[in-house]
Amino acid sequence: MASPPTKKDIERRAYQLWQQAGMPEGRDQEFYWEAEQQLKEELRSLRTQDAEYAVEPRERSKREADTLASEFE
């Protein structure tokens, strides 16, 4: 399972965002916050995907089959 973003991860992402925005002055907190939110959302997404794949394969296959069947009704 993925671990929460570290301060270094957030700083790296914030720096990338700052560069992409043209390196404006005085907005460091804004980029830090945005980076933190993005990384947390990515973690939530990974955890959701992990949970979906953790479902017992037979149950997942049945659910996928039901979904396909409903598309042809």
C-alpha atoms as a PDB file:
ATOM      1  CA  MET A   1       0.000   0.000   0.000  1.00  0.00           C
ATOM      2  CA  ALA A   2       1.245   3.497  -0.784  1.00  0.00           C
ATOM      3  CA  SER A   3       2.246   5.683   2.109  1.00  0.00           C
ATOM      4  CA  PRO A   4       1.153   9.289   2.694  1.00  0.00           C
ATOM      5  CA  PRO A   5       3.182  11.933   0.877  1.00  0.00           C
ATOM      6  CA  THR A   6       6.230  13.161   2.750  1.00  0.00           C
ATOM      7  CA  LYS A   7       7.156  16.804   3.154  1.00  0.00           C
ATOM      8  CA  LYS A   8       9.857  16.240   0.513  1.00  0.00           C
ATOM      9  CA  ASP A   9       7.281  14.765  -1.923  1.00  0.00           C
ATOM     10  CA  ILE A  10       5.057  17.787  -1.442  1.00  0.00           C
ATOM     11  CA  GLU A  11       7.940  20.225  -1.861  1.00  0.00           C
ATOM     12  CA  ARG A  12       9.013  18.484  -5.083  1.00  0.00           C
ATOM     13  CA  ARG A  13       5.491  18.669  -6.515  1.00  0.00           C
ATOM     14  CA  ALA A  14       5.089  22.281  -5.376  1.00  0.00           C
ATOM     15  CA  TYR A  15       8.313  23.186  -7.142  1.00  0.00           C
ATOM     16  CA  GLN A  16       7.075  21.554 -10.350  1.00  0.00           C
ATOM     17  CA  LEU A  17       3.776  23.440 -10.118  1.00  0.00           C
ATOM     18  CA  TRP A  18       5.620  26.694  -9.444  1.00  0.00           C
ATOM     19  CA  GLN A  19       7.824  26.159 -12.497  1.00  0.00           C
ATOM     20  CA  GLN A  20       4.819  25.322 -14.691  1.00  0.00           C
ATOM     21  CA  ALA A  21       3.124  28.529 -13.540  1.00  0.00           C
ATOM     22  CA  GLY A  22       6.073  30.633 -14.684  1.00  0.00           C
ATOM     23  CA  MET A  23       7.842  30.883 -11.290  1.00  0.00           C
ATOM     24  CA  PRO A  24       5.731  33.684  -9.801  1.00  0.00           C
ATOM     25  CA  GLU A  25       6.947  35.280  -6.566  1.00  0.00           C
ATOM     26  CA  GLY A  26       5.079  35.195  -3.274  1.00  0.00           C
ATOM     27  CA  ARG A  27       2.833  32.185  -3.953  1.00  0.00           C
ATOM     28  CA  ASP A  28       4.847  29.444  -2.266  1.00  0.00           C
ATOM     29  CA  GLN A  29       2.090  28.518   0.192  1.00  0.00           C
ATOM     30  CA  GLU A  30      -0.444  28.278  -2.609  1.00  0.00           C
ATOM     31  CA  PHE A  31       1.746  25.844  -4.561  1.00  0.00           C
ATOM     32  CA  TYR A  32       2.544  23.829  -1.440  1.00  0.00           C
ATOM     33  CA  TRP A  33      -1.162  23.479  -0.637  1.00  0.00           C
ATOM     34  CA  GLU A  34      -2.011  22.530  -4.217  1.00  0.00           C
ATOM     35  CA  ALA A  35       0.791  19.962  -4.308  1.00  0.00           C
ATOM     36  CA  GLU A  36      -0.376  18.448  -1.031  1.00  0.00           C
ATOM     37  CA  GLN A  37      -3.949  18.180  -2.290  1.00  0.00           C
ATOM     38  CA  GLN A  38      -2.879  16.574  -5.568  1.00  0.00           C
ATOM     39  CA  LEU A  39      -0.714  13.983  -3.842  1.00  0.00           C
ATOM     40  CA  LYS A  40      -3.422  13.143  -1.311  1.00  0.00           C
ATOM     41  CA  GLU A  41      -5.952  12.708  -4.116  1.00  0.00           C
ATOM     42  CA  GLU A  42      -3.559  10.442  -6.013  1.00  0.00           C
ATOM     43  CA  LEU A  43      -3.147   8.356  -2.855  1.00  0.00           C
ATOM     44  CA  ARG A  44      -6.929   8.098  -2.406  1.00  0.00           C
ATOM     45  CA  SER A  45      -7.241   7.009  -6.014  1.00  0.00           C
ATOM     46  CA  LEU A  46      -4.567   4.323  -5.579  1.00  0.00           C
ATOM     47  CA  ARG A  47      -6.232   3.045  -2.424  1.00  0.00           C
ATOM     48  CA  THR A  48      -9.590   2.860  -4.215  1.00  0.00           C
ATOM     49  CA  GLN A  49      -8.010   0.882  -7.044  1.00  0.00           C
ATOM     50  CA  ASP A  50      -6.329  -1.432  -4.532  1.00  0.00           C
ATOM     51  CA  ALA A  51      -9.666  -2.014  -2.808  1.00  0.00           C
ATOM     52  CA  GLU A  52     -11.376  -2.829  -6.103  1.00  0.00           C
ATOM     53  CA  TYR A  53      -8.725  -5.420  -6.984  1.00  0.00           C
ATOM     54  CA  ALA A  54      -8.863  -6.899  -3.500  1.00  0.00           C
ATOM     55  CA  VAL A  55     -12.441  -8.062  -4.172  1.00  0.00           C
ATOM     56  CA  GLU A  56     -12.578 -11.807  -4.519  1.00  0.00           C
ATOM     57  CA  PRO A  57     -11.912 -12.570  -8.229  1.00  0.00           C
ATOM     58  CA  ARG A  58     -15.078 -14.626  -8.754  1.00  0.00           C
ATOM     59  CA  GLU A  59     -17.214 -11.821  -7.375  1.00  0.00           C
ATOM     60  CA  ARG A  60     -15.387  -9.252  -9.516  1.00  0.00           C
ATOM     61  CA  SER A  61     -15.825 -11.427 -12.617  1.00  0.00           C
ATOM     62  CA  LYS A  62     -19.539 -11.834 -11.925  1.00  0.00           C
ATOM     63  CA  ARG A  63     -19.928  -8.095 -11.452  1.00  0.00           C
ATOM     64  CA  GLU A  64     -18.062  -7.397 -14.699  1.00  0.00           C
ATOM     65  CA  ALA A  65     -20.179  -9.984 -16.532  1.00  0.00           C
ATOM     66  CA  ASP A  66     -23.368  -8.419 -15.174  1.00  0.00           C
ATOM     67  CA  THR A  67     -22.181  -5.005 -16.345  1.00  0.00           C
ATOM     68  CA  LEU A  68     -21.455  -6.305 -19.839  1.00  0.00           C
ATOM     69  CA  ALA A  69     -24.775  -8.113 -19.992  1.00  0.00           C
ATOM     70  CA  SER A  70     -26.668  -4.980 -19.040  1.00  0.00           C
ATOM     71  CA  GLU A  71     -25.013  -3.076 -21.897  1.00  0.00           C
ATOM     72  CA  PHE A  72     -26.610  -5.449 -24.384  1.00  0.00           C
ATOM     73  CA  GLU A  73     -30.129  -5.299 -22.960  1.00  0.00           C
END
